[in-house]
Amino acid sequence: MVTSLFASAGAAGHVLSVGSPAPQFETDSSDGTLFRLKDRIGHWTALYFYPKDDTPGCTQQACAFRDGIDVIRKQGAEVHGVSKDTIESHKKFTEKYKLNFPLLADPEGKIIRMYGISGVFGYAKRWTFLIGPDLVIRVIQKDVDPMMNAKSVAAELEKAKGTLHGR
């Protein structure tokens, strides 16, 4: 497990907001690669945080993203889920539900704390960050509805892209 953090934004006492640079990190991904947020420059990224693999709400949320991924990708974005689960847990969860996007491992909760969304027992709150191609946070969705998160990301992405391009 590799987790490197490159920024302290989101640390205790610092609240991320729309317009803040997205805290940089790298960690293992369920697709077998090393995910580096800095490698997403030039691309939209939906980074969704959830408490735990293979629990009812988290499964609904992941499956909603799986089913809605084409709409999000047509808008030029990729989805990445983050939780405290291990890469092994993520791989099982991905295989069981045939997820078509990567899950990022944060077993020590470092990324969760960077983004300022640590909840009960250090598990992630259910928040989604839409990060622009400039690696700036463009949308923050708090306490999202697991079944509606993918649809709301697609709608917010369309709005954010229009705002960024002056439409």
N, C-alpha and C. Protein backbone atom coordinates (compact mmCIF):
# COMPACT_ATOMS: atom_id res chain seq x y z
N MET A 1 0.84 -1.20 0.00
CA MET A 1 0.00 0.00 0.00
C MET A 1 0.87 1.23 0.00
N VAL A 2 0.66 2.08 -0.96
CA VAL A 2 1.40 3.33 -1.06
C VAL A 2 0.41 4.46 -0.89
N THR A 3 0.67 5.32 0.04
CA THR A 3 -0.12 6.53 0.15
C THR A 3 0.83 7.66 0.45
N SER A 4 0.94 8.58 -0.46
CA SER A 4 1.78 9.75 -0.26
C SER A 4 0.90 10.98 -0.34
N LEU A 5 1.14 11.91 0.54
CA LEU A 5 0.36 13.13 0.56
C LEU A 5 1.28 14.29 0.24
N PHE A 6 0.79 15.20 -0.57
CA PHE A 6 1.63 16.29 -1.02
C PHE A 6 1.15 17.66 -0.57
N ALA A 7 0.04 17.72 0.11
CA ALA A 7 -0.48 19.01 0.54
C ALA A 7 -1.13 18.85 1.90
N SER A 8 -1.23 19.94 2.63
CA SER A 8 -1.85 19.86 3.94
C SER A 8 -3.24 20.46 3.94
N ALA A 9 -3.72 20.89 2.79
CA ALA A 9 -5.07 21.43 2.71
C ALA A 9 -6.05 20.39 3.21
N GLY A 10 -7.04 20.83 3.93
CA GLY A 10 -8.03 19.91 4.46
C GLY A 10 -7.63 19.35 5.81
N ALA A 11 -6.44 19.66 6.28
CA ALA A 11 -6.01 19.18 7.59
C ALA A 11 -6.88 19.83 8.66
N ALA A 12 -6.74 19.34 9.87
CA ALA A 12 -7.56 19.83 10.98
C ALA A 12 -7.58 21.36 10.98
N GLY A 13 -8.78 21.92 11.05
CA GLY A 13 -8.91 23.36 11.11
C GLY A 13 -9.00 24.04 9.76
N HIS A 14 -8.71 23.34 8.69
CA HIS A 14 -8.76 23.93 7.35
C HIS A 14 -9.90 23.29 6.58
N VAL A 15 -10.84 24.09 6.12
CA VAL A 15 -11.98 23.58 5.40
C VAL A 15 -11.80 23.85 3.91
N LEU A 16 -11.93 22.81 3.12
CA LEU A 16 -11.87 22.98 1.66
C LEU A 16 -13.14 23.63 1.17
N SER A 17 -13.02 24.41 0.12
CA SER A 17 -14.18 25.06 -0.46
C SER A 17 -14.03 25.10 -1.97
N VAL A 18 -15.13 25.41 -2.63
CA VAL A 18 -15.09 25.57 -4.08
C VAL A 18 -14.06 26.66 -4.39
N GLY A 19 -13.17 26.37 -5.32
CA GLY A 19 -12.11 27.29 -5.68
C GLY A 19 -10.78 26.96 -5.02
N SER A 20 -10.80 26.04 -4.03
CA SER A 20 -9.55 25.61 -3.39
C SER A 20 -8.81 24.63 -4.30
N PRO A 21 -7.49 24.66 -4.27
CA PRO A 21 -6.75 23.61 -4.98
C PRO A 21 -7.08 22.25 -4.33
N ALA A 22 -7.26 21.25 -5.14
CA ALA A 22 -7.54 19.91 -4.61
C ALA A 22 -6.27 19.37 -3.94
N PRO A 23 -6.38 18.89 -2.71
CA PRO A 23 -5.21 18.32 -2.05
C PRO A 23 -4.63 17.16 -2.88
N GLN A 24 -3.33 17.19 -3.07
CA GLN A 24 -2.65 16.19 -3.90
C GLN A 24 -2.30 14.95 -3.09
N PHE A 25 -2.44 13.80 -3.71
CA PHE A 25 -2.10 12.53 -3.07
C PHE A 25 -1.83 11.50 -4.14
N GLU A 26 -1.25 10.40 -3.72
CA GLU A 26 -1.14 9.22 -4.58
C GLU A 26 -1.40 8.01 -3.72
N THR A 27 -2.02 6.99 -4.31
CA THR A 27 -2.36 5.78 -3.58
C THR A 27 -2.64 4.65 -4.56
N ASP A 28 -2.74 3.46 -4.03
CA ASP A 28 -3.03 2.29 -4.86
C ASP A 28 -4.48 2.30 -5.31
N SER A 29 -4.68 1.79 -6.51
CA SER A 29 -6.00 1.74 -7.13
C SER A 29 -6.41 0.29 -7.37
N SER A 30 -7.70 0.04 -7.34
CA SER A 30 -8.22 -1.32 -7.54
C SER A 30 -7.90 -1.87 -8.93
N ASP A 31 -7.53 -0.99 -9.87
CA ASP A 31 -7.19 -1.48 -11.21
C ASP A 31 -5.71 -1.88 -11.32
N GLY A 32 -4.99 -1.87 -10.19
CA GLY A 32 -3.61 -2.31 -10.17
C GLY A 32 -2.59 -1.23 -10.47
N THR A 33 -3.05 0.01 -10.63
CA THR A 33 -2.13 1.11 -10.92
C THR A 33 -1.94 1.98 -9.68
N LEU A 34 -0.96 2.85 -9.76
CA LEU A 34 -0.77 3.86 -8.74
C LEU A 34 -1.50 5.11 -9.21
N PHE A 35 -2.49 5.54 -8.45
CA PHE A 35 -3.26 6.74 -8.80
C PHE A 35 -2.54 7.95 -8.22
N ARG A 36 -2.31 8.94 -9.08
CA ARG A 36 -1.75 10.23 -8.65
C ARG A 36 -2.73 11.31 -9.12
N LEU A 37 -3.26 12.08 -8.19
CA LEU A 37 -4.20 13.13 -8.59
C LEU A 37 -3.54 14.09 -9.57
N LYS A 38 -2.25 14.37 -9.40
CA LYS A 38 -1.57 15.31 -10.31
C LYS A 38 -1.61 14.82 -11.76
N ASP A 39 -1.74 13.51 -11.97
CA ASP A 39 -1.82 12.97 -13.33
C ASP A 39 -3.16 13.27 -13.99
N ARG A 40 -4.11 13.76 -13.23
CA ARG A 40 -5.44 14.10 -13.76
C ARG A 40 -5.49 15.52 -14.32
N ILE A 41 -4.40 16.25 -14.29
CA ILE A 41 -4.39 17.60 -14.84
C ILE A 41 -4.84 17.53 -16.30
N GLY A 42 -5.71 18.45 -16.67
CA GLY A 42 -6.26 18.46 -18.02
C GLY A 42 -7.54 17.66 -18.17
N HIS A 43 -7.97 17.02 -17.08
CA HIS A 43 -9.18 16.17 -17.11
C HIS A 43 -10.06 16.45 -15.89
N TRP A 44 -11.34 16.32 -16.07
CA TRP A 44 -12.28 16.43 -14.96
C TRP A 44 -12.24 15.14 -14.14
N THR A 45 -12.37 15.29 -12.83
CA THR A 45 -12.34 14.13 -11.94
C THR A 45 -13.46 14.24 -10.91
N ALA A 46 -14.25 13.18 -10.80
CA ALA A 46 -15.24 13.07 -9.73
C ALA A 46 -14.62 12.15 -8.68
N LEU A 47 -14.31 12.72 -7.53
CA LEU A 47 -13.70 11.97 -6.44
C LEU A 47 -14.77 11.82 -5.37
N TYR A 48 -15.30 10.59 -5.26
CA TYR A 48 -16.36 10.40 -4.27
C TYR A 48 -15.85 9.57 -3.11
N PHE A 49 -16.19 10.02 -1.92
CA PHE A 49 -15.79 9.36 -0.69
C PHE A 49 -16.99 8.63 -0.11
N TYR A 50 -16.74 7.44 0.41
CA TYR A 50 -17.82 6.63 0.98
C TYR A 50 -17.27 5.85 2.17
N PRO A 51 -18.13 5.42 3.09
CA PRO A 51 -17.64 4.78 4.31
C PRO A 51 -16.99 3.40 4.14
N LYS A 52 -17.67 2.44 3.48
CA LYS A 52 -17.16 1.08 3.52
C LYS A 52 -17.67 0.23 2.36
N ASP A 53 -16.76 -0.56 1.78
CA ASP A 53 -17.12 -1.49 0.70
C ASP A 53 -18.21 -2.46 1.16
N ASP A 54 -19.06 -2.81 0.20
CA ASP A 54 -20.03 -3.91 0.35
C ASP A 54 -21.01 -3.72 1.51
N THR A 55 -21.35 -2.48 1.81
CA THR A 55 -22.43 -2.18 2.75
C THR A 55 -23.58 -1.63 1.90
N PRO A 56 -24.81 -1.67 2.41
CA PRO A 56 -25.96 -1.33 1.55
C PRO A 56 -25.87 0.01 0.83
N GLY A 57 -25.65 1.11 1.55
CA GLY A 57 -25.61 2.43 0.90
C GLY A 57 -24.43 2.58 -0.03
N CYS A 58 -23.29 2.05 0.39
CA CYS A 58 -22.08 2.17 -0.44
C CYS A 58 -22.19 1.33 -1.70
N THR A 59 -22.86 0.20 -1.60
CA THR A 59 -23.09 -0.64 -2.78
C THR A 59 -24.04 0.06 -3.74
N GLN A 60 -25.10 0.66 -3.21
CA GLN A 60 -26.04 1.41 -4.07
C GLN A 60 -25.31 2.54 -4.80
N GLN A 61 -24.46 3.24 -4.07
CA GLN A 61 -23.74 4.37 -4.65
C GLN A 61 -22.79 3.90 -5.75
N ALA A 62 -22.01 2.86 -5.47
CA ALA A 62 -21.06 2.34 -6.46
C ALA A 62 -21.78 1.83 -7.70
N CYS A 63 -22.88 1.12 -7.50
CA CYS A 63 -23.63 0.59 -8.65
C CYS A 63 -24.29 1.71 -9.46
N ALA A 64 -24.70 2.78 -8.78
CA ALA A 64 -25.26 3.93 -9.51
C ALA A 64 -24.18 4.58 -10.38
N PHE A 65 -22.96 4.69 -9.85
CA PHE A 65 -21.86 5.22 -10.67
C PHE A 65 -21.55 4.26 -11.81
N ARG A 66 -21.54 2.97 -11.53
CA ARG A 66 -21.29 1.97 -12.59
C ARG A 66 -22.30 2.14 -13.72
N ASP A 67 -23.57 2.26 -13.35
CA ASP A 67 -24.63 2.35 -14.35
C ASP A 67 -24.67 3.70 -15.07
N GLY A 68 -24.16 4.75 -14.44
CA GLY A 68 -24.20 6.08 -15.04
C GLY A 68 -22.87 6.57 -15.58
N ILE A 69 -21.87 5.70 -15.59
CA ILE A 69 -20.52 6.13 -15.96
C ILE A 69 -20.42 6.66 -17.39
N ASP A 70 -21.19 6.11 -18.30
CA ASP A 70 -21.11 6.56 -19.70
C ASP A 70 -21.47 8.03 -19.85
N VAL A 71 -22.50 8.47 -19.13
CA VAL A 71 -22.91 9.87 -19.20
C VAL A 71 -21.81 10.78 -18.67
N ILE A 72 -21.18 10.36 -17.58
CA ILE A 72 -20.10 11.15 -16.98
C ILE A 72 -18.88 11.17 -17.90
N ARG A 73 -18.55 10.03 -18.46
CA ARG A 73 -17.38 9.96 -19.36
C ARG A 73 -17.61 10.76 -20.65
N LYS A 74 -18.84 10.81 -21.14
CA LYS A 74 -19.12 11.60 -22.35
C LYS A 74 -18.86 13.08 -22.10
N GLN A 75 -18.90 13.48 -20.84
CA GLN A 75 -18.61 14.87 -20.48
C GLN A 75 -17.13 15.07 -20.17
N GLY A 76 -16.33 14.04 -20.39
CA GLY A 76 -14.89 14.17 -20.23
C GLY A 76 -14.37 13.98 -18.82
N ALA A 77 -15.13 13.31 -17.97
CA ALA A 77 -14.71 13.10 -16.58
C ALA A 77 -14.55 11.61 -16.27
N GLU A 78 -13.77 11.35 -15.25
CA GLU A 78 -13.62 9.99 -14.72
C GLU A 78 -14.03 10.01 -13.26
N VAL A 79 -14.49 8.87 -12.78
CA VAL A 79 -14.95 8.69 -11.40
C VAL A 79 -13.93 7.84 -10.65
N HIS A 80 -13.65 8.24 -9.41
CA HIS A 80 -12.77 7.48 -8.53
C HIS A 80 -13.40 7.48 -7.15
N GLY A 81 -13.61 6.29 -6.58
CA GLY A 81 -14.16 6.17 -5.23
C GLY A 81 -13.05 6.01 -4.22
N VAL A 82 -13.21 6.60 -3.03
CA VAL A 82 -12.20 6.53 -1.98
C VAL A 82 -12.85 6.10 -0.67
N SER A 83 -12.24 5.10 -0.03
CA SER A 83 -12.67 4.71 1.32
C SER A 83 -11.47 4.17 2.08
N LYS A 84 -11.68 3.86 3.36
CA LYS A 84 -10.61 3.32 4.20
C LYS A 84 -10.33 1.84 3.92
N ASP A 85 -11.07 1.24 3.03
CA ASP A 85 -10.87 -0.18 2.74
C ASP A 85 -9.52 -0.43 2.09
N THR A 86 -9.03 -1.65 2.24
CA THR A 86 -7.77 -2.05 1.63
C THR A 86 -7.95 -2.30 0.14
N ILE A 87 -6.84 -2.39 -0.56
CA ILE A 87 -6.89 -2.65 -2.00
C ILE A 87 -7.52 -4.03 -2.25
N GLU A 88 -7.26 -4.99 -1.37
CA GLU A 88 -7.85 -6.33 -1.52
C GLU A 88 -9.37 -6.27 -1.40
N SER A 89 -9.86 -5.51 -0.43
CA SER A 89 -11.31 -5.32 -0.28
C SER A 89 -11.89 -4.64 -1.51
N HIS A 90 -11.20 -3.61 -2.01
CA HIS A 90 -11.67 -2.90 -3.21
C HIS A 90 -11.75 -3.84 -4.41
N LYS A 91 -10.76 -4.70 -4.57
CA LYS A 91 -10.76 -5.63 -5.70
C LYS A 91 -11.95 -6.58 -5.62
N LYS A 92 -12.24 -7.11 -4.44
CA LYS A 92 -13.39 -8.01 -4.26
C LYS A 92 -14.70 -7.27 -4.55
N PHE A 93 -14.81 -6.06 -4.02
CA PHE A 93 -16.01 -5.24 -4.22
C PHE A 93 -16.21 -4.93 -5.70
N THR A 94 -15.12 -4.57 -6.38
CA THR A 94 -15.16 -4.26 -7.81
C THR A 94 -15.59 -5.48 -8.62
N GLU A 95 -15.03 -6.62 -8.30
CA GLU A 95 -15.37 -7.85 -9.03
C GLU A 95 -16.82 -8.27 -8.76
N LYS A 96 -17.22 -8.24 -7.50
CA LYS A 96 -18.56 -8.68 -7.11
C LYS A 96 -19.66 -7.88 -7.84
N TYR A 97 -19.45 -6.56 -7.96
CA TYR A 97 -20.48 -5.71 -8.56
C TYR A 97 -20.12 -5.22 -9.96
N LYS A 98 -19.05 -5.78 -10.53
CA LYS A 98 -18.62 -5.44 -11.89
C LYS A 98 -18.49 -3.92 -12.08
N LEU A 99 -17.80 -3.29 -11.13
CA LEU A 99 -17.60 -1.84 -11.20
C LEU A 99 -16.65 -1.52 -12.35
N ASN A 100 -16.95 -0.47 -13.07
CA ASN A 100 -16.19 -0.09 -14.27
C ASN A 100 -15.41 1.21 -14.07
N PHE A 101 -15.01 1.45 -12.85
CA PHE A 101 -14.18 2.60 -12.49
C PHE A 101 -13.35 2.17 -11.27
N PRO A 102 -12.21 2.82 -11.04
CA PRO A 102 -11.34 2.40 -9.95
C PRO A 102 -11.74 2.93 -8.57
N LEU A 103 -11.41 2.11 -7.58
CA LEU A 103 -11.55 2.51 -6.18
C LEU A 103 -10.15 2.73 -5.62
N LEU A 104 -10.01 3.75 -4.79
CA LEU A 104 -8.72 4.12 -4.25
C LEU A 104 -8.65 3.77 -2.77
N ALA A 105 -7.55 3.13 -2.37
CA ALA A 105 -7.38 2.66 -1.00
C ALA A 105 -6.81 3.75 -0.11
N ASP A 106 -7.42 3.92 1.06
CA ASP A 106 -6.96 4.88 2.06
C ASP A 106 -7.12 4.26 3.46
N PRO A 107 -6.50 3.09 3.72
CA PRO A 107 -6.74 2.37 4.97
C PRO A 107 -6.35 3.15 6.23
N GLU A 108 -5.43 4.07 6.12
CA GLU A 108 -5.04 4.87 7.28
C GLU A 108 -5.85 6.16 7.40
N GLY A 109 -6.71 6.43 6.41
CA GLY A 109 -7.57 7.61 6.45
C GLY A 109 -6.86 8.92 6.20
N LYS A 110 -5.67 8.89 5.63
CA LYS A 110 -4.91 10.12 5.39
C LYS A 110 -5.58 11.02 4.35
N ILE A 111 -6.06 10.42 3.27
CA ILE A 111 -6.72 11.22 2.22
C ILE A 111 -8.03 11.78 2.75
N ILE A 112 -8.75 10.95 3.47
CA ILE A 112 -10.03 11.38 4.08
C ILE A 112 -9.79 12.60 4.97
N ARG A 113 -8.75 12.56 5.78
CA ARG A 113 -8.44 13.70 6.66
C ARG A 113 -8.00 14.92 5.85
N MET A 114 -7.23 14.69 4.77
CA MET A 114 -6.80 15.82 3.92
C MET A 114 -8.00 16.58 3.37
N TYR A 115 -9.03 15.84 3.01
CA TYR A 115 -10.22 16.46 2.43
C TYR A 115 -11.21 16.92 3.51
N GLY A 116 -10.85 16.70 4.78
CA GLY A 116 -11.63 17.22 5.90
C GLY A 116 -12.98 16.56 6.09
N ILE A 117 -13.07 15.28 5.75
CA ILE A 117 -14.38 14.63 5.82
C ILE A 117 -14.37 13.34 6.64
N SER A 118 -13.55 13.34 7.66
CA SER A 118 -13.48 12.18 8.54
C SER A 118 -14.72 12.15 9.43
N GLY A 119 -15.40 11.00 9.43
CA GLY A 119 -16.62 10.86 10.22
C GLY A 119 -16.41 9.90 11.39
N VAL A 120 -17.44 9.16 11.73
CA VAL A 120 -17.41 8.21 12.83
C VAL A 120 -16.31 7.18 12.63
N PHE A 121 -15.49 6.96 13.66
CA PHE A 121 -14.39 6.01 13.64
C PHE A 121 -13.40 6.26 12.49
N GLY A 122 -13.36 7.49 11.99
CA GLY A 122 -12.43 7.83 10.92
C GLY A 122 -12.87 7.43 9.53
N TYR A 123 -14.07 6.84 9.41
CA TYR A 123 -14.59 6.50 8.09
C TYR A 123 -14.97 7.79 7.36
N ALA A 124 -14.93 7.74 6.04
CA ALA A 124 -15.26 8.92 5.24
C ALA A 124 -16.74 9.24 5.34
N LYS A 125 -17.02 10.52 5.38
CA LYS A 125 -18.39 10.97 5.18
C LYS A 125 -18.69 10.78 3.70
N ARG A 126 -19.95 10.72 3.35
CA ARG A 126 -20.35 10.50 1.97
C ARG A 126 -20.41 11.84 1.23
N TRP A 127 -19.25 12.29 0.76
CA TRP A 127 -19.11 13.56 0.05
C TRP A 127 -18.48 13.30 -1.30
N THR A 128 -18.77 14.18 -2.25
CA THR A 128 -18.18 14.09 -3.59
C THR A 128 -17.57 15.43 -3.96
N PHE A 129 -16.37 15.36 -4.52
CA PHE A 129 -15.67 16.55 -4.99
C PHE A 129 -15.53 16.44 -6.50
N LEU A 130 -15.97 17.46 -7.20
CA LEU A 130 -15.78 17.55 -8.64
C LEU A 130 -14.58 18.48 -8.86
N ILE A 131 -13.52 17.89 -9.40
CA ILE A 131 -12.25 18.60 -9.55
C ILE A 131 -12.04 18.92 -11.02
N GLY A 132 -11.77 20.18 -11.31
CA GLY A 132 -11.59 20.64 -12.68
C GLY A 132 -10.25 20.21 -13.26
N PRO A 133 -10.08 20.43 -14.56
CA PRO A 133 -8.85 20.05 -15.24
C PRO A 133 -7.62 20.80 -14.73
N ASP A 134 -7.85 21.89 -13.99
CA ASP A 134 -6.77 22.67 -13.38
C ASP A 134 -6.48 22.20 -11.95
N LEU A 135 -7.13 21.08 -11.55
CA LEU A 135 -7.00 20.48 -10.21
C LEU A 135 -7.50 21.41 -9.11
N VAL A 136 -8.49 22.21 -9.45
CA VAL A 136 -9.18 23.07 -8.49
C VAL A 136 -10.56 22.48 -8.25
N ILE A 137 -11.00 22.52 -7.00
CA ILE A 137 -12.31 21.99 -6.64
C ILE A 137 -13.38 22.91 -7.22
N ARG A 138 -14.25 22.35 -8.05
CA ARG A 138 -15.31 23.13 -8.70
C ARG A 138 -16.68 22.92 -8.06
N VAL A 139 -16.90 21.75 -7.47
CA VAL A 139 -18.18 21.44 -6.82
C VAL A 139 -17.89 20.55 -5.62
N ILE A 140 -18.59 20.82 -4.51
CA ILE A 140 -18.54 19.93 -3.34
C ILE A 140 -19.98 19.54 -3.03
N GLN A 141 -20.22 18.24 -3.02
CA GLN A 141 -21.53 17.71 -2.67
C GLN A 141 -21.40 17.04 -1.30
N LYS A 142 -22.15 17.53 -0.32
CA LYS A 142 -22.08 17.01 1.05
C LYS A 142 -23.23 16.05 1.32
N ASP A 143 -22.93 15.01 2.09
CA ASP A 143 -23.95 14.06 2.54
C ASP A 143 -24.89 13.65 1.40
N VAL A 144 -24.31 13.12 0.35
CA VAL A 144 -25.06 12.82 -0.86
C VAL A 144 -25.99 11.62 -0.69
N ASP A 145 -27.00 11.56 -1.51
CA ASP A 145 -27.90 10.41 -1.60
C ASP A 145 -27.19 9.36 -2.45
N PRO A 146 -26.91 8.18 -1.89
CA PRO A 146 -26.14 7.18 -2.63
C PRO A 146 -26.73 6.82 -3.99
N MET A 147 -28.04 6.74 -4.08
CA MET A 147 -28.68 6.33 -5.33
C MET A 147 -28.68 7.45 -6.37
N MET A 148 -28.58 8.70 -5.93
CA MET A 148 -28.67 9.84 -6.85
C MET A 148 -27.32 10.49 -7.13
N ASN A 149 -26.25 10.04 -6.49
CA ASN A 149 -24.96 10.70 -6.60
C ASN A 149 -24.45 10.76 -8.04
N ALA A 150 -24.54 9.67 -8.77
CA ALA A 150 -24.04 9.65 -10.15
C ALA A 150 -24.80 10.64 -11.02
N LYS A 151 -26.12 10.69 -10.88
CA LYS A 151 -26.92 11.63 -11.67
C LYS A 151 -26.61 13.07 -11.29
N SER A 152 -26.43 13.32 -9.99
CA SER A 152 -26.13 14.70 -9.58
C SER A 152 -24.73 15.11 -10.03
N VAL A 153 -23.78 14.17 -10.06
CA VAL A 153 -22.44 14.49 -10.56
C VAL A 153 -22.51 14.85 -12.04
N ALA A 154 -23.26 14.09 -12.81
CA ALA A 154 -23.40 14.38 -14.25
C ALA A 154 -24.00 15.78 -14.46
N ALA A 155 -25.05 16.11 -13.69
CA ALA A 155 -25.69 17.42 -13.81
C ALA A 155 -24.75 18.54 -13.37
N GLU A 156 -24.06 18.36 -12.26
CA GLU A 156 -23.14 19.38 -11.76
C GLU A 156 -21.94 19.55 -12.70
N LEU A 157 -21.51 18.46 -13.29
CA LEU A 157 -20.39 18.52 -14.24
C LEU A 157 -20.76 19.41 -15.42
N GLU A 158 -21.95 19.22 -15.93
CA GLU A 158 -22.40 20.03 -17.06
C GLU A 158 -22.43 21.51 -16.69
N LYS A 159 -22.95 21.83 -15.49
CA LYS A 159 -23.00 23.21 -15.03
C LYS A 159 -21.60 23.78 -14.82
N ALA A 160 -20.75 23.00 -14.16
CA ALA A 160 -19.39 23.47 -13.85
C ALA A 160 -18.59 23.72 -15.11
N LYS A 161 -18.73 22.85 -16.09
CA LYS A 161 -18.01 23.03 -17.35
C LYS A 161 -18.49 24.29 -18.06
N GLY A 162 -19.79 24.55 -18.00
CA GLY A 162 -20.34 25.76 -18.61
C GLY A 162 -19.85 27.02 -17.92
N THR A 163 -19.78 26.99 -16.59
CA THR A 163 -19.29 28.12 -15.82
C THR A 163 -17.82 28.38 -16.10
N LEU A 164 -17.05 27.30 -16.17
CA LEU A 164 -15.62 27.43 -16.39
C LEU A 164 -15.32 28.00 -17.78
N HIS A 165 -16.20 27.72 -18.72
CA HIS A 165 -15.99 28.19 -20.09
C HIS A 165 -16.80 29.44 -20.40
N GLY A 166 -17.37 30.07 -19.35
CA GLY A 166 -18.05 31.34 -19.52
C GLY A 166 -19.40 31.26 -20.16
N ARG A 167 -20.05 30.10 -20.08
CA ARG A 167 -21.38 29.99 -20.68
C ARG A 167 -22.45 30.33 -19.69
